[in-house]
Amino acid sequence: MARIQSFREFYPYYLSEHSKPRTRNLHYVGTTLFFVLLLTGLWRQQWYYFALLPVVGYGFAWVGHFFVEKNKPATFQYPLWSLASDFVMYFQWLSGRLKL
């Protein structure tokens, strides 16, 4: 596969790598926990919460990829676009605008 050159190209690919509802649901759990920990850490000014952000954010997502979707997370090849896509997918899901 040729290297993807833009986020506009990448996002449909990202969604295709999350074709199973259980994979997406695991992403939503991880992203929700990410925001809960982020806000809790800021509110309490306890910075160790930030160390847990990648654990919950990536942990749930990678379980979905390795055990449900059975594919390799896009994070390994496109780390920044993958992170941005996770937030886009999450907020599209929350707003009811996610089209798969």
Protein backbone atom coordinates (compact mmCIF):
# COMPACT_ATOMS: atom_id res chain seq x y z
CA MET A 1 0.00 0.00 0.00
CA ALA A 2 1.34 3.43 -0.95
CA ARG A 3 2.01 5.88 1.89
CA ILE A 4 -1.04 8.01 2.64
CA GLN A 5 -0.28 11.68 2.06
CA SER A 6 -3.13 13.59 3.75
CA PHE A 7 -5.52 13.37 6.65
CA ARG A 8 -8.40 13.48 4.17
CA GLU A 9 -7.07 10.24 2.66
CA PHE A 10 -6.21 8.74 6.02
CA TYR A 11 -9.52 9.10 7.86
CA PRO A 12 -11.55 6.76 5.59
CA TYR A 13 -8.73 4.22 5.92
CA TYR A 14 -8.83 4.66 9.70
CA LEU A 15 -12.58 4.01 9.78
CA SER A 16 -12.14 0.90 7.64
CA GLU A 17 -9.70 -0.44 10.24
CA HIS A 18 -12.50 -0.10 12.82
CA SER A 19 -15.22 -2.01 10.98
CA LYS A 20 -16.44 -4.06 13.96
CA PRO A 21 -18.66 -2.37 16.55
CA ARG A 22 -16.76 -3.98 19.46
CA THR A 23 -13.51 -2.44 18.21
CA ARG A 24 -15.09 1.00 18.04
CA ASN A 25 -16.71 0.52 21.46
CA LEU A 26 -13.34 -0.30 23.02
CA HIS A 27 -11.97 2.90 21.45
CA TYR A 28 -14.86 4.89 22.92
CA VAL A 29 -14.23 3.45 26.39
CA GLY A 30 -10.51 4.25 26.18
CA THR A 31 -11.07 7.75 24.84
CA THR A 32 -13.71 8.50 27.48
CA LEU A 33 -11.34 7.32 30.23
CA PHE A 34 -8.60 9.43 28.64
CA PHE A 35 -10.72 12.56 29.02
CA VAL A 36 -11.85 11.62 32.55
CA LEU A 37 -8.23 11.15 33.65
CA LEU A 38 -7.09 14.32 31.88
CA LEU A 39 -9.77 16.45 33.52
CA THR A 40 -9.30 14.78 36.91
CA GLY A 41 -5.56 15.35 36.78
CA LEU A 42 -6.04 19.00 35.87
CA TRP A 43 -8.75 19.53 38.49
CA ARG A 44 -6.80 17.88 41.32
CA GLN A 45 -3.44 19.07 40.04
CA GLN A 46 -2.11 15.56 40.46
CA TRP A 47 0.16 15.04 37.50
CA TYR A 48 0.55 11.27 37.85
CA TYR A 49 -2.85 10.96 36.16
CA PHE A 50 -1.12 12.03 32.95
CA ALA A 51 1.08 8.93 33.05
CA LEU A 52 -2.09 6.85 32.74
CA LEU A 53 -3.36 8.66 29.64
CA PRO A 54 -1.54 6.53 27.05
CA VAL A 55 -2.29 3.35 29.01
CA VAL A 56 -6.07 3.80 28.87
CA GLY A 57 -6.11 5.57 25.52
CA TYR A 58 -4.08 2.97 23.68
CA GLY A 59 -4.75 -0.02 25.91
CA PHE A 60 -8.44 -0.38 25.10
CA ALA A 61 -7.88 0.46 21.43
CA TRP A 62 -5.11 -2.11 21.01
CA VAL A 63 -7.18 -4.84 22.65
CA GLY A 64 -9.82 -4.11 20.02
CA HIS A 65 -7.32 -4.30 17.18
CA PHE A 66 -5.40 -7.37 18.30
CA PHE A 67 -8.27 -9.49 19.61
CA VAL A 68 -11.45 -8.25 17.90
CA GLU A 69 -10.49 -6.67 14.58
CA LYS A 70 -7.33 -8.78 14.26
CA ASN A 71 -5.36 -6.06 12.54
CA LYS A 72 -2.38 -3.86 13.34
CA PRO A 73 -3.22 -0.46 14.87
CA ALA A 74 -2.70 2.44 12.48
CA THR A 75 -0.81 4.14 15.32
CA PHE A 76 2.29 2.15 14.41
CA GLN A 77 2.51 3.66 10.93
CA TYR A 78 0.67 6.99 11.30
CA PRO A 79 0.84 7.99 14.98
CA LEU A 80 -0.37 11.60 14.78
CA TRP A 81 -3.08 11.05 12.19
CA SER A 82 -4.25 8.01 14.14
CA LEU A 83 -4.54 10.00 17.36
CA ALA A 84 -6.38 12.81 15.59
CA SER A 85 -8.67 10.29 13.87
CA ASP A 86 -9.53 8.68 17.18
CA PHE A 87 -10.73 12.04 18.52
CA VAL A 88 -12.62 12.81 15.30
CA MET A 89 -14.31 9.39 15.36
CA TYR A 90 -15.12 9.80 19.07
CA PHE A 91 -16.75 13.21 18.68
CA GLN A 92 -18.59 12.15 15.53
CA TRP A 93 -19.93 9.17 17.49
CA LEU A 94 -20.97 11.39 20.43
CA SER A 95 -22.76 13.79 18.10
CA GLY A 96 -24.44 11.00 16.10
CA ARG A 97 -22.64 12.00 12.88
CA LEU A 98 -20.41 8.94 12.52
CA LYS A 99 -21.03 7.28 9.19
CA LEU A 100 -19.48 3.87 8.65
